[in-house]
Amino acid sequence: HLDAKAVPVQPEVKGVCGMLGLEPLYLACEGRLVIMAPKEEAEGIVE
């Protein structure tokens, strides 16, 4: 379950995706991780 408002997207990337009809969630990253951990750990990990 994702919250679209919480997904960080650079304004320039969002603009390009809007013009070309692309979804940023399907564009590649080469310096980003997806981490899944228990909720009680999440704030500490983000900090």
ModelCIF file with pLDDT and N, C-alpha, C, O atoms, coordinates in Angstrom:
data_MODEL
#
_entry.id   MODEL 
#
_entity.id                         1 
_entity.type                       polymer 
_entity.pdbx_number_of_molecules   1 
#
_entity_poly.entity_id                      1 
_entity_poly.type                           'polypeptide(L)' 
_entity_poly.nstd_linkage                   no 
_entity_poly.nstd_monomer                   no 
_entity_poly.pdbx_seq_one_letter_code       HLDAKAVPVQPEVKGVCGMLGLEPLYLACEGRLVIMAPKEEAEGIVE 
_entity_poly.pdbx_seq_one_letter_code_can   HLDAKAVPVQPEVKGVCGMLGLEPLYLACEGRLVIMAPKEEAEGIVE 
_entity_poly.pdbx_strand_id                 A 
#
loop_
_entity_poly_seq.entity_id 
_entity_poly_seq.num 
_entity_poly_seq.mon_id 
_entity_poly_seq.hetero 
1 1  HIS n 
1 2  LEU n 
1 3  ASP n 
1 4  ALA n 
1 5  LYS n 
1 6  ALA n 
1 7  VAL n 
1 8  PRO n 
1 9  VAL n 
1 10 GLN n 
1 11 PRO n 
1 12 GLU n 
1 13 VAL n 
1 14 LYS n 
1 15 GLY n 
1 16 VAL n 
1 17 CYS n 
1 18 GLY n 
1 19 MET n 
1 20 LEU n 
1 21 GLY n 
1 22 LEU n 
1 23 GLU n 
1 24 PRO n 
1 25 LEU n 
1 26 TYR n 
1 27 LEU n 
1 28 ALA n 
1 29 CYS n 
1 30 GLU n 
1 31 GLY n 
1 32 ARG n 
1 33 LEU n 
1 34 VAL n 
1 35 ILE n 
1 36 MET n 
1 37 ALA n 
1 38 PRO n 
1 39 LYS n 
1 40 GLU n 
1 41 GLU n 
1 42 ALA n 
1 43 GLU n 
1 44 GLY n 
1 45 ILE n 
1 46 VAL n 
1 47 GLU n 
#
_struct_asym.id          A 
_struct_asym.entity_id   1 
#
loop_
_ma_qa_metric.id 
_ma_qa_metric.mode 
_ma_qa_metric.name 
_ma_qa_metric.software_group_id 
_ma_qa_metric.type 
1 global pLDDT . pLDDT 
2 local  pLDDT . pLDDT 
#
_ma_qa_metric_global.metric_id      1 
_ma_qa_metric_global.metric_value   95.28 
_ma_qa_metric_global.model_id       1 
_ma_qa_metric_global.ordinal_id     1 
#
loop_
_ma_qa_metric_local.label_asym_id 
_ma_qa_metric_local.label_comp_id 
_ma_qa_metric_local.label_seq_id 
_ma_qa_metric_local.metric_id 
_ma_qa_metric_local.metric_value 
_ma_qa_metric_local.model_id 
_ma_qa_metric_local.ordinal_id 
A HIS 1  2 97.00 1 1  
A LEU 2  2 97.00 1 2  
A ASP 3  2 96.00 1 3  
A ALA 4  2 94.00 1 4  
A LYS 5  2 95.00 1 5  
A ALA 6  2 97.00 1 6  
A VAL 7  2 97.00 1 7  
A PRO 8  2 97.00 1 8  
A VAL 9  2 97.00 1 9  
A GLN 10 2 96.00 1 10 
A PRO 11 2 95.00 1 11 
A GLU 12 2 95.00 1 12 
A VAL 13 2 95.00 1 13 
A LYS 14 2 94.00 1 14 
A GLY 15 2 94.00 1 15 
A VAL 16 2 92.00 1 16 
A CYS 17 2 91.00 1 17 
A GLY 18 2 91.00 1 18 
A MET 19 2 90.00 1 19 
A LEU 20 2 89.00 1 20 
A GLY 21 2 89.00 1 21 
A LEU 22 2 90.00 1 22 
A GLU 23 2 92.00 1 23 
A PRO 24 2 94.00 1 24 
A LEU 25 2 95.00 1 25 
A TYR 26 2 93.00 1 26 
A LEU 27 2 93.00 1 27 
A ALA 28 2 93.00 1 28 
A CYS 29 2 95.00 1 29 
A GLU 30 2 96.00 1 30 
A GLY 31 2 97.00 1 31 
A ARG 32 2 98.00 1 32 
A LEU 33 2 98.00 1 33 
A VAL 34 2 98.00 1 34 
A ILE 35 2 98.00 1 35 
A MET 36 2 98.00 1 36 
A ALA 37 2 98.00 1 37 
A PRO 38 2 98.00 1 38 
A LYS 39 2 97.00 1 39 
A GLU 40 2 97.00 1 40 
A GLU 41 2 97.00 1 41 
A ALA 42 2 97.00 1 42 
A GLU 43 2 97.00 1 43 
A GLY 44 2 97.00 1 44 
A ILE 45 2 98.00 1 45 
A VAL 46 2 98.00 1 46 
A GLU 47 2 98.00 1 47 
#
loop_
_atom_site.group_PDB 
_atom_site.id 
_atom_site.type_symbol 
_atom_site.label_atom_id 
_atom_site.label_alt_id 
_atom_site.label_comp_id 
_atom_site.label_asym_id 
_atom_site.label_entity_id 
_atom_site.label_seq_id 
_atom_site.pdbx_PDB_ins_code 
_atom_site.Cartn_x 
_atom_site.Cartn_y 
_atom_site.Cartn_z 
_atom_site.occupancy 
_atom_site.B_iso_or_equiv 
_atom_site.pdbx_formal_charge 
_atom_site.auth_seq_id 
_atom_site.auth_comp_id 
_atom_site.auth_asym_id 
_atom_site.auth_atom_id 
_atom_site.pdbx_PDB_model_num 
ATOM 1   N N  . HIS A 1 1  ? 0.863  -1.182 0.000   1.00 97.00 ? 1  HIS A N  1 
ATOM 2   C CA . HIS A 1 1  ? 0.000  0.000  0.000   1.00 97.00 ? 1  HIS A CA 1 
ATOM 3   C C  . HIS A 1 1  ? 0.900  1.234  0.000   1.00 97.00 ? 1  HIS A C  1 
ATOM 4   O O  . HIS A 1 1  ? 1.652  1.460  0.948   1.00 97.00 ? 1  HIS A O  1 
ATOM 5   N N  . LEU A 1 2  ? 0.821  2.037  -1.077  1.00 97.00 ? 2  LEU A N  1 
ATOM 6   C CA . LEU A 1 2  ? 1.655  3.227  -1.219  1.00 97.00 ? 2  LEU A CA 1 
ATOM 7   C C  . LEU A 1 2  ? 0.840  4.492  -1.032  1.00 97.00 ? 2  LEU A C  1 
ATOM 8   O O  . LEU A 1 2  ? -0.360 4.522  -1.304  1.00 97.00 ? 2  LEU A O  1 
ATOM 9   N N  . ASP A 1 3  ? 1.515  5.543  -0.561  1.00 96.00 ? 3  ASP A N  1 
ATOM 10  C CA . ASP A 1 3  ? 0.925  6.868  -0.469  1.00 96.00 ? 3  ASP A CA 1 
ATOM 11  C C  . ASP A 1 3  ? 1.606  7.735  -1.521  1.00 96.00 ? 3  ASP A C  1 
ATOM 12  O O  . ASP A 1 3  ? 2.777  8.083  -1.368  1.00 96.00 ? 3  ASP A O  1 
ATOM 13  N N  . ALA A 1 4  ? 0.892  8.089  -2.585  1.00 94.00 ? 4  ALA A N  1 
ATOM 14  C CA . ALA A 1 4  ? 1.491  8.842  -3.692  1.00 94.00 ? 4  ALA A CA 1 
ATOM 15  C C  . ALA A 1 4  ? 2.079  10.169 -3.224  1.00 94.00 ? 4  ALA A C  1 
ATOM 16  O O  . ALA A 1 4  ? 3.112  10.600 -3.735  1.00 94.00 ? 4  ALA A O  1 
ATOM 17  N N  . LYS A 1 5  ? 1.436  10.817 -2.263  1.00 95.00 ? 5  LYS A N  1 
ATOM 18  C CA . LYS A 1 5  ? 1.909  12.117 -1.790  1.00 95.00 ? 5  LYS A CA 1 
ATOM 19  C C  . LYS A 1 5  ? 3.269  12.005 -1.105  1.00 95.00 ? 5  LYS A C  1 
ATOM 20  O O  . LYS A 1 5  ? 4.017  12.982 -1.054  1.00 95.00 ? 5  LYS A O  1 
ATOM 21  N N  . ALA A 1 6  ? 3.596  10.825 -0.580  1.00 97.00 ? 6  ALA A N  1 
ATOM 22  C CA . ALA A 1 6  ? 4.837  10.647 0.178   1.00 97.00 ? 6  ALA A CA 1 
ATOM 23  C C  . ALA A 1 6  ? 6.022  10.273 -0.694  1.00 97.00 ? 6  ALA A C  1 
ATOM 24  O O  . ALA A 1 6  ? 7.162  10.307 -0.230  1.00 97.00 ? 6  ALA A O  1 
ATOM 25  N N  . VAL A 1 7  ? 5.777  9.915  -1.952  1.00 97.00 ? 7  VAL A N  1 
ATOM 26  C CA . VAL A 1 7  ? 6.855  9.454  -2.839  1.00 97.00 ? 7  VAL A CA 1 
ATOM 27  C C  . VAL A 1 7  ? 7.647  10.669 -3.338  1.00 97.00 ? 7  VAL A C  1 
ATOM 28  O O  . VAL A 1 7  ? 7.089  11.519 -4.032  1.00 97.00 ? 7  VAL A O  1 
ATOM 29  N N  . PRO A 1 8  ? 8.935  10.764 -2.997  1.00 97.00 ? 8  PRO A N  1 
ATOM 30  C CA . PRO A 1 8  ? 9.710  11.946 -3.417  1.00 97.00 ? 8  PRO A CA 1 
ATOM 31  C C  . PRO A 1 8  ? 10.110 11.863 -4.892  1.00 97.00 ? 8  PRO A C  1 
ATOM 32  O O  . PRO A 1 8  ? 10.737 10.894 -5.321  1.00 97.00 ? 8  PRO A O  1 
ATOM 33  N N  . VAL A 1 9  ? 9.744  12.884 -5.657  1.00 97.00 ? 9  VAL A N  1 
ATOM 34  C CA . VAL A 1 9  ? 10.096 12.983 -7.074  1.00 97.00 ? 9  VAL A CA 1 
ATOM 35  C C  . VAL A 1 9  ? 10.580 14.402 -7.337  1.00 97.00 ? 9  VAL A C  1 
ATOM 36  O O  . VAL A 1 9  ? 9.888  15.364 -7.004  1.00 97.00 ? 9  VAL A O  1 
ATOM 37  N N  . GLN A 1 10 ? 11.754 14.540 -7.925  1.00 96.00 ? 10 GLN A N  1 
ATOM 38  C CA . GLN A 1 10 ? 12.277 15.864 -8.257  1.00 96.00 ? 10 GLN A CA 1 
ATOM 39  C C  . GLN A 1 10 ? 11.314 16.580 -9.213  1.00 96.00 ? 10 GLN A C  1 
ATOM 40  O O  . GLN A 1 10 ? 10.798 15.950 -10.137 1.00 96.00 ? 10 GLN A O  1 
ATOM 41  N N  . PRO A 1 11 ? 11.059 17.885 -9.014  1.00 95.00 ? 11 PRO A N  1 
ATOM 42  C CA . PRO A 1 11 ? 10.110 18.591 -9.885  1.00 95.00 ? 11 PRO A CA 1 
ATOM 43  C C  . PRO A 1 11 ? 10.430 18.449 -11.372 1.00 95.00 ? 11 PRO A C  1 
ATOM 44  O O  . PRO A 1 11 ? 9.522  18.302 -12.191 1.00 95.00 ? 11 PRO A O  1 
ATOM 45  N N  . GLU A 1 12 ? 11.721 18.494 -11.725 1.00 95.00 ? 12 GLU A N  1 
ATOM 46  C CA . GLU A 1 12 ? 12.099 18.356 -13.142 1.00 95.00 ? 12 GLU A CA 1 
ATOM 47  C C  . GLU A 1 12 ? 11.719 16.990 -13.685 1.00 95.00 ? 12 GLU A C  1 
ATOM 48  O O  . GLU A 1 12 ? 11.254 16.878 -14.820 1.00 95.00 ? 12 GLU A O  1 
ATOM 49  N N  . VAL A 1 13 ? 11.914 15.946 -12.878 1.00 95.00 ? 13 VAL A N  1 
ATOM 50  C CA . VAL A 1 13 ? 11.551 14.590 -13.297 1.00 95.00 ? 13 VAL A CA 1 
ATOM 51  C C  . VAL A 1 13 ? 10.036 14.473 -13.425 1.00 95.00 ? 13 VAL A C  1 
ATOM 52  O O  . VAL A 1 13 ? 9.527  13.871 -14.371 1.00 95.00 ? 13 VAL A O  1 
ATOM 53  N N  . LYS A 1 14 ? 9.323  15.053 -12.467 1.00 94.00 ? 14 LYS A N  1 
ATOM 54  C CA . LYS A 1 14 ? 7.860  15.021 -12.522 1.00 94.00 ? 14 LYS A CA 1 
ATOM 55  C C  . LYS A 1 14 ? 7.354  15.731 -13.771 1.00 94.00 ? 14 LYS A C  1 
ATOM 56  O O  . LYS A 1 14 ? 6.403  15.279 -14.409 1.00 94.00 ? 14 LYS A O  1 
ATOM 57  N N  . GLY A 1 15 ? 8.000  16.850 -14.118 1.00 94.00 ? 15 GLY A N  1 
ATOM 58  C CA . GLY A 1 15 ? 7.597  17.589 -15.311 1.00 94.00 ? 15 GLY A CA 1 
ATOM 59  C C  . GLY A 1 15 ? 7.838  16.802 -16.589 1.00 94.00 ? 15 GLY A C  1 
ATOM 60  O O  . GLY A 1 15 ? 6.973  16.760 -17.464 1.00 94.00 ? 15 GLY A O  1 
ATOM 61  N N  . VAL A 1 16 ? 9.010  16.176 -16.703 1.00 92.00 ? 16 VAL A N  1 
ATOM 62  C CA . VAL A 1 16 ? 9.319  15.367 -17.893 1.00 92.00 ? 16 VAL A CA 1 
ATOM 63  C C  . VAL A 1 16 ? 8.339  14.207 -18.003 1.00 92.00 ? 16 VAL A C  1 
ATOM 64  O O  . VAL A 1 16 ? 7.836  13.918 -19.088 1.00 92.00 ? 16 VAL A O  1 
ATOM 65  N N  . CYS A 1 17 ? 8.069  13.549 -16.893 1.00 91.00 ? 17 CYS A N  1 
ATOM 66  C CA . CYS A 1 17 ? 7.135  12.420 -16.910 1.00 91.00 ? 17 CYS A CA 1 
ATOM 67  C C  . CYS A 1 17 ? 5.735  12.867 -17.318 1.00 91.00 ? 17 CYS A C  1 
ATOM 68  O O  . CYS A 1 17 ? 5.044  12.164 -18.054 1.00 91.00 ? 17 CYS A O  1 
ATOM 69  N N  . GLY A 1 18 ? 5.320  14.036 -16.838 1.00 91.00 ? 18 GLY A N  1 
ATOM 70  C CA . GLY A 1 18 ? 4.007  14.553 -17.223 1.00 91.00 ? 18 GLY A CA 1 
ATOM 71  C C  . GLY A 1 18 ? 3.912  14.829 -18.702 1.00 91.00 ? 18 GLY A C  1 
ATOM 72  O O  . GLY A 1 18 ? 2.878  14.567 -19.316 1.00 91.00 ? 18 GLY A O  1 
ATOM 73  N N  . MET A 1 19 ? 4.988  15.362 -19.295 1.00 90.00 ? 19 MET A N  1 
ATOM 74  C CA . MET A 1 19 ? 4.988  15.684 -20.722 1.00 90.00 ? 19 MET A CA 1 
ATOM 75  C C  . MET A 1 19 ? 5.010  14.436 -21.597 1.00 90.00 ? 19 MET A C  1 
ATOM 76  O O  . MET A 1 19 ? 4.440  14.422 -22.688 1.00 90.00 ? 19 MET A O  1 
ATOM 77  N N  . LEU A 1 20 ? 5.678  13.381 -21.105 1.00 89.00 ? 20 LEU A N  1 
ATOM 78  C CA . LEU A 1 20 ? 5.852  12.172 -21.921 1.00 89.00 ? 20 LEU A CA 1 
ATOM 79  C C  . LEU A 1 20 ? 4.910  11.036 -21.524 1.00 89.00 ? 20 LEU A C  1 
ATOM 80  O O  . LEU A 1 20 ? 4.944  9.962  -22.124 1.00 89.00 ? 20 LEU A O  1 
ATOM 81  N N  . GLY A 1 21 ? 4.085  11.266 -20.534 1.00 89.00 ? 21 GLY A N  1 
ATOM 82  C CA . GLY A 1 21 ? 3.140  10.231 -20.117 1.00 89.00 ? 21 GLY A CA 1 
ATOM 83  C C  . GLY A 1 21 ? 3.794  9.052  -19.425 1.00 89.00 ? 21 GLY A C  1 
ATOM 84  O O  . GLY A 1 21 ? 3.356  7.914  -19.593 1.00 89.00 ? 21 GLY A O  1 
ATOM 85  N N  . LEU A 1 22 ? 4.847  9.310  -18.641 1.00 90.00 ? 22 LEU A N  1 
ATOM 86  C CA . LEU A 1 22 ? 5.565  8.250  -17.946 1.00 90.00 ? 22 LEU A CA 1 
ATOM 87  C C  . LEU A 1 22 ? 5.251  8.276  -16.450 1.00 90.00 ? 22 LEU A C  1 
ATOM 88  O O  . LEU A 1 22 ? 4.861  9.308  -15.904 1.00 90.00 ? 22 LEU A O  1 
ATOM 89  N N  . GLU A 1 23 ? 5.425  7.141  -15.804 1.00 92.00 ? 23 GLU A N  1 
ATOM 90  C CA . GLU A 1 23 ? 5.224  7.017  -14.367 1.00 92.00 ? 23 GLU A CA 1 
ATOM 91  C C  . GLU A 1 23 ? 6.596  6.977  -13.691 1.00 92.00 ? 23 GLU A C  1 
ATOM 92  O O  . GLU A 1 23 ? 7.366  6.048  -13.937 1.00 92.00 ? 23 GLU A O  1 
ATOM 93  N N  . PRO A 1 24 ? 6.925  7.973  -12.835 1.00 94.00 ? 24 PRO A N  1 
ATOM 94  C CA . PRO A 1 24 ? 8.249  7.996  -12.193 1.00 94.00 ? 24 PRO A CA 1 
ATOM 95  C C  . PRO A 1 24 ? 8.584  6.717  -11.440 1.00 94.00 ? 24 PRO A C  1 
ATOM 96  O O  . PRO A 1 24 ? 9.755  6.353  -11.329 1.00 94.00 ? 24 PRO A O  1 
ATOM 97  N N  . LEU A 1 25 ? 7.565  6.027  -10.918 1.00 95.00 ? 25 LEU A N  1 
ATOM 98  C CA . LEU A 1 25 ? 7.816  4.788  -10.178 1.00 95.00 ? 25 LEU A CA 1 
ATOM 99  C C  . LEU A 1 25 ? 8.442  3.704  -11.047 1.00 95.00 ? 25 LEU A C  1 
ATOM 100 O O  . LEU A 1 25 ? 9.023  2.754  -10.522 1.00 95.00 ? 25 LEU A O  1 
ATOM 101 N N  . TYR A 1 26 ? 8.334  3.832  -12.374 1.00 93.00 ? 26 TYR A N  1 
ATOM 102 C CA . TYR A 1 26 ? 8.902  2.822  -13.265 1.00 93.00 ? 26 TYR A CA 1 
ATOM 103 C C  . TYR A 1 26 ? 10.172 3.286  -13.956 1.00 93.00 ? 26 TYR A C  1 
ATOM 104 O O  . TYR A 1 26 ? 10.698 2.583  -14.819 1.00 93.00 ? 26 TYR A O  1 
ATOM 105 N N  . LEU A 1 27 ? 10.675 4.464  -13.589 1.00 93.00 ? 27 LEU A N  1 
ATOM 106 C CA . LEU A 1 27 ? 11.939 4.923  -14.141 1.00 93.00 ? 27 LEU A CA 1 
ATOM 107 C C  . LEU A 1 27 ? 13.082 4.488  -13.226 1.00 93.00 ? 27 LEU A C  1 
ATOM 108 O O  . LEU A 1 27 ? 12.957 4.498  -12.001 1.00 93.00 ? 27 LEU A O  1 
ATOM 109 N N  . ALA A 1 28 ? 14.186 4.111  -13.842 1.00 93.00 ? 28 ALA A N  1 
ATOM 110 C CA . ALA A 1 28 ? 15.299 3.537  -13.100 1.00 93.00 ? 28 ALA A CA 1 
ATOM 111 C C  . ALA A 1 28 ? 15.974 4.528  -12.165 1.00 93.00 ? 28 ALA A C  1 
ATOM 112 O O  . ALA A 1 28 ? 16.026 5.730  -12.426 1.00 93.00 ? 28 ALA A O  1 
ATOM 113 N N  . CYS A 1 29 ? 16.481 3.992  -11.080 1.00 95.00 ? 29 CYS A N  1 
ATOM 114 C CA . CYS A 1 29 ? 17.365 4.705  -10.167 1.00 95.00 ? 29 CYS A CA 1 
ATOM 115 C C  . CYS A 1 29 ? 18.702 3.954  -10.144 1.00 95.00 ? 29 CYS A C  1 
ATOM 116 O O  . CYS A 1 29 ? 18.740 2.750  -10.397 1.00 95.00 ? 29 CYS A O  1 
ATOM 117 N N  . GLU A 1 30 ? 19.782 4.650  -9.845  1.00 96.00 ? 30 GLU A N  1 
ATOM 118 C CA . GLU A 1 30 ? 21.072 3.979  -9.665  1.00 96.00 ? 30 GLU A CA 1 
ATOM 119 C C  . GLU A 1 30 ? 21.742 4.401  -8.358  1.00 96.00 ? 30 GLU A C  1 
ATOM 120 O O  . GLU A 1 30 ? 22.929 4.157  -8.141  1.00 96.00 ? 30 GLU A O  1 
ATOM 121 N N  . GLY A 1 31 ? 20.940 5.050  -7.484  1.00 97.00 ? 31 GLY A N  1 
ATOM 122 C CA . GLY A 1 31 ? 21.476 5.435  -6.190  1.00 97.00 ? 31 GLY A CA 1 
ATOM 123 C C  . GLY A 1 31 ? 20.398 5.471  -5.129  1.00 97.00 ? 31 GLY A C  1 
ATOM 124 O O  . GLY A 1 31 ? 20.477 6.234  -4.166  1.00 97.00 ? 31 GLY A O  1 
ATOM 125 N N  . ARG A 1 32 ? 19.369 4.620  -5.321  1.00 98.00 ? 32 ARG A N  1 
ATOM 126 C CA . ARG A 1 32 ? 18.240 4.612  -4.397  1.00 98.00 ? 32 ARG A CA 1 
ATOM 127 C C  . ARG A 1 32 ? 17.934 3.184  -3.944  1.00 98.00 ? 32 ARG A C  1 
ATOM 128 O O  . ARG A 1 32 ? 17.997 2.236  -4.726  1.00 98.00 ? 32 ARG A O  1 
ATOM 129 N N  . LEU A 1 33 ? 17.607 3.062  -2.674  1.00 98.00 ? 33 LEU A N  1 
ATOM 130 C CA . LEU A 1 33 ? 17.244 1.773  -2.094  1.00 98.00 ? 33 LEU A CA 1 
ATOM 131 C C  . LEU A 1 33 ? 15.786 1.776  -1.669  1.00 98.00 ? 33 LEU A C  1 
ATOM 132 O O  . LEU A 1 33 ? 15.235 2.815  -1.304  1.00 98.00 ? 33 LEU A O  1 
ATOM 133 N N  . VAL A 1 34 ? 15.171 0.607  -1.721  1.00 98.00 ? 34 VAL A N  1 
ATOM 134 C CA . VAL A 1 34 ? 13.882 0.355  -1.081  1.00 98.00 ? 34 VAL A CA 1 
ATOM 135 C C  . VAL A 1 34 ? 14.174 -0.507 0.140   1.00 98.00 ? 34 VAL A C  1 
ATOM 136 O O  . VAL A 1 34 ? 14.767 -1.580 0.021   1.00 98.00 ? 34 VAL A O  1 
ATOM 137 N N  . ILE A 1 35 ? 13.764 -0.043 1.298   1.00 98.00 ? 35 ILE A N  1 
ATOM 138 C CA . ILE A 1 35 ? 14.002 -0.761 2.548   1.00 98.00 ? 35 ILE A CA 1 
ATOM 139 C C  . ILE A 1 35 ? 12.664 -1.080 3.193   1.00 98.00 ? 35 ILE A C  1 
ATOM 140 O O  . ILE A 1 35 ? 11.787 -0.221 3.281   1.00 98.00 ? 35 ILE A O  1 
ATOM 141 N N  . MET A 1 36 ? 12.512 -2.320 3.644   1.00 98.00 ? 36 MET A N  1 
ATOM 142 C CA . MET A 1 36 ? 11.314 -2.716 4.391   1.00 98.00 ? 36 MET A CA 1 
ATOM 143 C C  . MET A 1 36 ? 11.750 -3.210 5.761   1.00 98.00 ? 36 MET A C  1 
ATOM 144 O O  . MET A 1 36 ? 12.599 -4.092 5.889   1.00 98.00 ? 36 MET A O  1 
ATOM 145 N N  . ALA A 1 37 ? 11.143 -2.616 6.777   1.00 98.00 ? 37 ALA A N  1 
ATOM 146 C CA . ALA A 1 37 ? 11.503 -2.925 8.165   1.00 98.00 ? 37 ALA A CA 1 
ATOM 147 C C  . ALA A 1 37 ? 10.279 -2.694 9.035   1.00 98.00 ? 37 ALA A C  1 
ATOM 148 O O  . ALA A 1 37 ? 9.364  -1.978 8.629   1.00 98.00 ? 37 ALA A O  1 
ATOM 149 N N  . PRO A 1 38 ? 10.243 -3.286 10.228  1.00 98.00 ? 38 PRO A N  1 
ATOM 150 C CA . PRO A 1 38 ? 9.098  -3.075 11.124  1.00 98.00 ? 38 PRO A CA 1 
ATOM 151 C C  . PRO A 1 38 ? 8.858  -1.585 11.379  1.00 98.00 ? 38 PRO A C  1 
ATOM 152 O O  . PRO A 1 38 ? 9.796  -0.792 11.454  1.00 98.00 ? 38 PRO A O  1 
ATOM 153 N N  . LYS A 1 39 ? 7.576  -1.227 11.509  1.00 97.00 ? 39 LYS A N  1 
ATOM 154 C CA . LYS A 1 39 ? 7.211  0.191  11.668  1.00 97.00 ? 39 LYS A CA 1 
ATOM 155 C C  . LYS A 1 39 ? 7.954  0.865  12.818  1.00 97.00 ? 39 LYS A C  1 
ATOM 156 O O  . LYS A 1 39 ? 8.315  2.037  12.718  1.00 97.00 ? 39 LYS A O  1 
ATOM 157 N N  . GLU A 1 40 ? 8.189  0.126  13.918  1.00 97.00 ? 40 GLU A N  1 
ATOM 158 C CA . GLU A 1 40 ? 8.828  0.751  15.070  1.00 97.00 ? 40 GLU A CA 1 
ATOM 159 C C  . GLU A 1 40 ? 10.282 1.151  14.791  1.00 97.00 ? 40 GLU A C  1 
ATOM 160 O O  . GLU A 1 40 ? 10.864 1.942  15.533  1.00 97.00 ? 40 GLU A O  1 
ATOM 161 N N  . GLU A 1 41 ? 10.860 0.605  13.726  1.00 97.00 ? 41 GLU A N  1 
ATOM 162 C CA . GLU A 1 41 ? 12.231 0.941  13.359  1.00 97.00 ? 41 GLU A CA 1 
ATOM 163 C C  . GLU A 1 41 ? 12.297 2.069  12.320  1.00 97.00 ? 41 GLU A C  1 
ATOM 164 O O  . GLU A 1 41 ? 13.353 2.666  12.113  1.00 97.00 ? 41 GLU A O  1 
ATOM 165 N N  . ALA A 1 42 ? 11.160 2.354  11.670  1.00 97.00 ? 42 ALA A N  1 
ATOM 166 C CA . ALA A 1 42 ? 11.176 3.174  10.462  1.00 97.00 ? 42 ALA A CA 1 
ATOM 167 C C  . ALA A 1 42 ? 11.683 4.590  10.697  1.00 97.00 ? 42 ALA A C  1 
ATOM 168 O O  . ALA A 1 42 ? 12.514 5.079  9.932   1.00 97.00 ? 42 ALA A O  1 
ATOM 169 N N  . GLU A 1 43 ? 11.199 5.254  11.737  1.00 97.00 ? 43 GLU A N  1 
ATOM 170 C CA . GLU A 1 43 ? 11.605 6.644  11.967  1.00 97.00 ? 43 GLU A CA 1 
ATOM 171 C C  . GLU A 1 43 ? 13.099 6.740  12.243  1.00 97.00 ? 43 GLU A C  1 
ATOM 172 O O  . GLU A 1 43 ? 13.760 7.659  11.758  1.00 97.00 ? 43 GLU A O  1 
ATOM 173 N N  . GLY A 1 44 ? 13.632 5.809  13.010  1.00 97.00 ? 44 GLY A N  1 
ATOM 174 C CA . GLY A 1 44 ? 15.066 5.801  13.288  1.00 97.00 ? 44 GLY A CA 1 
ATOM 175 C C  . GLY A 1 44 ? 15.888 5.581  12.042  1.00 97.00 ? 44 GLY A C  1 
ATOM 176 O O  . GLY A 1 44 ? 16.944 6.190  11.874  1.00 97.00 ? 44 GLY A O  1 
ATOM 177 N N  . ILE A 1 45 ? 15.405 4.698  11.147  1.00 98.00 ? 45 ILE A N  1 
ATOM 178 C CA . ILE A 1 45 ? 16.108 4.444  9.893   1.00 98.00 ? 45 ILE A CA 1 
ATOM 179 C C  . ILE A 1 45 ? 16.117 5.695  9.021   1.00 98.00 ? 45 ILE A C  1 
ATOM 180 O O  . ILE A 1 45 ? 17.149 6.060  8.458   1.00 98.00 ? 45 ILE A O  1 
ATOM 181 N N  . VAL A 1 46 ? 14.964 6.350  8.914   1.00 98.00 ? 46 VAL A N  1 
ATOM 182 C CA . VAL A 1 46 ? 14.878 7.565  8.090   1.00 98.00 ? 46 VAL A CA 1 
ATOM 183 C C  . VAL A 1 46 ? 15.767 8.658  8.664   1.00 98.00 ? 46 VAL A C  1 
ATOM 184 O O  . VAL A 1 46 ? 16.438 9.367  7.914   1.00 98.00 ? 46 VAL A O  1 
ATOM 185 N N  . GLU A 1 47 ? 15.779 8.799  9.962   1.00 98.00 ? 47 GLU A N  1 
ATOM 186 C CA . GLU A 1 47 ? 16.636 9.810  10.595  1.00 98.00 ? 47 GLU A CA 1 
ATOM 187 C C  . GLU A 1 47 ? 18.105 9.550  10.272  1.00 98.00 ? 47 GLU A C  1 
ATOM 188 O O  . GLU A 1 47 ? 18.977 10.297 10.717  1.00 98.00 ? 47 GLU A O  1 
#
